[in-house]
Amino acid sequence: MDMNPQKKNLEITGRLICPLSVGTAAFIAENGGIRRTSNVLRMVRISPDEIRFETCNTNYRLHLIRQEVTA
């Protein structure tokens, strides 16, 4: 996926609070806080641990933190 080169690029590590969906904001838990993005324009999963997506303002590269499962 070719990202818009005129937008800011941001590489972050975190966890999606809700599924990523085109047309809605992304909510990402990171560093003890929550990041809300502008609406997602397009996205692609690079690997099980990485998603690239573009919003109205920024190109994101999200490194996913695996959620721990407790029994």
N, C-alpha and C. Protein backbone atom coordinates (compact mmCIF):
# COMPACT_ATOMS: atom_id res chain seq x y z
N MET A 1 0.85 -1.18 0.00
CA MET A 1 0.00 0.00 0.00
C MET A 1 0.89 1.23 0.00
N ASP A 2 0.66 2.11 -0.93
CA ASP A 2 1.40 3.36 -0.98
C ASP A 2 0.70 4.40 -0.12
N MET A 3 1.45 4.92 0.84
CA MET A 3 0.91 5.95 1.73
C MET A 3 1.16 7.32 1.10
N ASN A 4 0.37 8.28 1.50
CA ASN A 4 0.54 9.65 1.02
C ASN A 4 1.85 10.21 1.58
N PRO A 5 2.84 10.50 0.72
CA PRO A 5 4.14 10.96 1.21
C PRO A 5 4.11 12.36 1.81
N GLN A 6 3.03 13.09 1.62
CA GLN A 6 2.95 14.45 2.16
C GLN A 6 2.42 14.48 3.59
N LYS A 7 1.99 13.33 4.09
CA LYS A 7 1.48 13.26 5.45
C LYS A 7 2.59 12.87 6.42
N LYS A 8 2.36 13.21 7.68
CA LYS A 8 3.29 12.84 8.75
C LYS A 8 3.29 11.32 8.90
N ASN A 9 4.46 10.73 9.13
CA ASN A 9 4.57 9.30 9.39
C ASN A 9 4.79 9.08 10.88
N LEU A 10 4.04 8.15 11.46
CA LEU A 10 4.15 7.88 12.89
C LEU A 10 4.20 6.38 13.11
N GLU A 11 5.24 5.93 13.82
CA GLU A 11 5.40 4.52 14.14
C GLU A 11 5.16 4.36 15.63
N ILE A 12 4.17 3.55 15.99
CA ILE A 12 3.80 3.39 17.40
C ILE A 12 3.65 1.91 17.75
N THR A 13 3.71 1.63 19.04
CA THR A 13 3.48 0.29 19.56
C THR A 13 2.31 0.37 20.52
N GLY A 14 1.33 -0.49 20.32
CA GLY A 14 0.17 -0.45 21.18
C GLY A 14 -0.80 -1.57 20.87
N ARG A 15 -2.02 -1.40 21.36
CA ARG A 15 -3.06 -2.41 21.23
C ARG A 15 -4.34 -1.74 20.78
N LEU A 16 -4.99 -2.31 19.77
CA LEU A 16 -6.27 -1.76 19.30
C LEU A 16 -7.34 -2.01 20.35
N ILE A 17 -8.07 -0.96 20.71
CA ILE A 17 -9.15 -1.09 21.69
C ILE A 17 -10.39 -1.67 21.02
N CYS A 18 -10.61 -1.31 19.76
CA CYS A 18 -11.71 -1.88 18.97
C CYS A 18 -11.17 -2.15 17.57
N PRO A 19 -11.85 -3.00 16.81
CA PRO A 19 -11.34 -3.32 15.47
C PRO A 19 -11.14 -2.08 14.60
N LEU A 20 -10.09 -2.11 13.81
CA LEU A 20 -9.79 -1.02 12.89
C LEU A 20 -10.76 -1.10 11.72
N SER A 21 -11.36 0.03 11.35
CA SER A 21 -12.37 0.04 10.30
C SER A 21 -12.26 1.33 9.49
N VAL A 22 -12.29 1.19 8.17
CA VAL A 22 -12.24 2.36 7.29
C VAL A 22 -13.48 3.22 7.55
N GLY A 23 -13.27 4.53 7.68
CA GLY A 23 -14.36 5.46 7.88
C GLY A 23 -14.60 5.85 9.32
N THR A 24 -13.90 5.19 10.25
CA THR A 24 -14.05 5.52 11.67
C THR A 24 -12.68 5.79 12.28
N ALA A 25 -12.67 6.39 13.44
CA ALA A 25 -11.42 6.67 14.15
C ALA A 25 -10.85 5.37 14.71
N ALA A 26 -9.53 5.34 14.86
CA ALA A 26 -8.87 4.22 15.53
C ALA A 26 -8.61 4.61 16.97
N PHE A 27 -8.80 3.67 17.88
CA PHE A 27 -8.51 3.87 19.29
C PHE A 27 -7.43 2.88 19.68
N ILE A 28 -6.27 3.42 20.10
CA ILE A 28 -5.10 2.59 20.37
C ILE A 28 -4.62 2.86 21.79
N ALA A 29 -4.48 1.79 22.58
CA ALA A 29 -3.93 1.91 23.93
C ALA A 29 -2.41 1.83 23.80
N GLU A 30 -1.73 2.85 24.33
CA GLU A 30 -0.26 2.88 24.28
C GLU A 30 0.28 3.70 25.44
N ASN A 31 1.38 3.26 26.00
CA ASN A 31 2.09 4.00 27.05
C ASN A 31 1.17 4.50 28.16
N GLY A 32 0.23 3.68 28.59
CA GLY A 32 -0.64 4.06 29.68
C GLY A 32 -1.74 5.03 29.31
N GLY A 33 -1.89 5.36 28.02
CA GLY A 33 -2.93 6.28 27.57
C GLY A 33 -3.64 5.72 26.36
N ILE A 34 -4.58 6.49 25.84
CA ILE A 34 -5.33 6.08 24.66
C ILE A 34 -5.18 7.15 23.58
N ARG A 35 -4.84 6.69 22.38
CA ARG A 35 -4.73 7.58 21.22
C ARG A 35 -5.98 7.41 20.37
N ARG A 36 -6.60 8.53 20.02
CA ARG A 36 -7.73 8.53 19.08
C ARG A 36 -7.25 9.21 17.82
N THR A 37 -7.38 8.53 16.68
CA THR A 37 -6.94 9.11 15.42
C THR A 37 -8.12 9.77 14.71
N SER A 38 -7.81 10.48 13.64
CA SER A 38 -8.88 10.92 12.74
C SER A 38 -9.35 9.69 11.96
N ASN A 39 -10.35 9.84 11.12
CA ASN A 39 -10.94 8.69 10.42
C ASN A 39 -9.92 7.97 9.55
N VAL A 40 -9.98 6.64 9.60
CA VAL A 40 -9.10 5.78 8.81
C VAL A 40 -9.57 5.80 7.35
N LEU A 41 -8.62 6.05 6.44
CA LEU A 41 -8.93 6.08 5.01
C LEU A 41 -8.67 4.73 4.35
N ARG A 42 -7.59 4.07 4.76
CA ARG A 42 -7.25 2.75 4.23
C ARG A 42 -6.28 2.07 5.18
N MET A 43 -6.20 0.75 5.06
CA MET A 43 -5.35 0.00 5.97
C MET A 43 -4.92 -1.30 5.32
N VAL A 44 -3.83 -1.85 5.83
CA VAL A 44 -3.35 -3.16 5.38
C VAL A 44 -2.59 -3.81 6.54
N ARG A 45 -2.86 -5.10 6.74
CA ARG A 45 -2.13 -5.85 7.77
C ARG A 45 -0.86 -6.37 7.11
N ILE A 46 0.28 -5.98 7.64
CA ILE A 46 1.58 -6.39 7.10
C ILE A 46 1.95 -7.77 7.62
N SER A 47 1.66 -8.03 8.88
CA SER A 47 1.96 -9.30 9.53
C SER A 47 1.00 -9.44 10.71
N PRO A 48 1.02 -10.58 11.42
CA PRO A 48 0.15 -10.70 12.59
C PRO A 48 0.44 -9.64 13.66
N ASP A 49 1.63 -9.05 13.61
CA ASP A 49 2.03 -8.08 14.64
C ASP A 49 2.12 -6.65 14.13
N GLU A 50 1.77 -6.39 12.88
CA GLU A 50 1.93 -5.04 12.34
C GLU A 50 0.81 -4.68 11.36
N ILE A 51 0.28 -3.47 11.54
CA ILE A 51 -0.74 -2.92 10.65
C ILE A 51 -0.30 -1.54 10.21
N ARG A 52 -0.45 -1.26 8.92
CA ARG A 52 -0.21 0.10 8.41
C ARG A 52 -1.55 0.67 8.02
N PHE A 53 -1.80 1.92 8.42
CA PHE A 53 -3.05 2.55 8.02
C PHE A 53 -2.85 4.05 7.86
N GLU A 54 -3.71 4.62 7.04
CA GLU A 54 -3.65 6.05 6.73
C GLU A 54 -4.91 6.71 7.24
N THR A 55 -4.75 7.84 7.92
CA THR A 55 -5.89 8.64 8.36
C THR A 55 -5.90 9.94 7.57
N CYS A 56 -6.82 10.81 7.89
CA CYS A 56 -6.90 12.09 7.20
C CYS A 56 -5.60 12.89 7.32
N ASN A 57 -4.89 12.71 8.44
CA ASN A 57 -3.71 13.53 8.72
C ASN A 57 -2.38 12.80 8.74
N THR A 58 -2.38 11.49 8.98
CA THR A 58 -1.15 10.78 9.32
C THR A 58 -1.11 9.39 8.70
N ASN A 59 0.11 8.94 8.38
CA ASN A 59 0.38 7.55 8.01
C ASN A 59 0.89 6.84 9.26
N TYR A 60 0.21 5.78 9.69
CA TYR A 60 0.59 5.06 10.90
C TYR A 60 1.18 3.70 10.56
N ARG A 61 2.16 3.31 11.36
CA ARG A 61 2.68 1.95 11.35
C ARG A 61 2.53 1.47 12.79
N LEU A 62 1.60 0.57 13.02
CA LEU A 62 1.27 0.12 14.37
C LEU A 62 1.85 -1.26 14.62
N HIS A 63 2.72 -1.35 15.61
CA HIS A 63 3.26 -2.63 16.07
C HIS A 63 2.36 -3.08 17.21
N LEU A 64 1.68 -4.19 16.98
CA LEU A 64 0.68 -4.65 17.95
C LEU A 64 1.32 -5.36 19.13
N ILE A 65 0.81 -5.04 20.31
CA ILE A 65 1.19 -5.75 21.53
C ILE A 65 0.19 -6.89 21.69
N ARG A 66 0.68 -8.07 21.85
CA ARG A 66 -0.22 -9.21 22.02
C ARG A 66 -0.89 -9.13 23.39
N GLN A 67 -2.19 -9.41 23.40
CA GLN A 67 -2.92 -9.40 24.66
C GLN A 67 -2.67 -10.71 25.39
N GLU A 68 -2.43 -10.60 26.68
CA GLU A 68 -2.22 -11.79 27.47
C GLU A 68 -3.58 -12.38 27.83
N VAL A 69 -3.67 -13.69 27.73
CA VAL A 69 -4.90 -14.39 28.07
C VAL A 69 -4.75 -14.96 29.46
N THR A 70 -5.70 -14.64 30.33
CA THR A 70 -5.66 -15.17 31.69
C THR A 70 -6.76 -16.20 31.86
N ALA A 71 -6.44 -17.28 32.52
CA ALA A 71 -7.41 -18.37 32.70
C ALA A 71 -8.19 -18.20 33.97
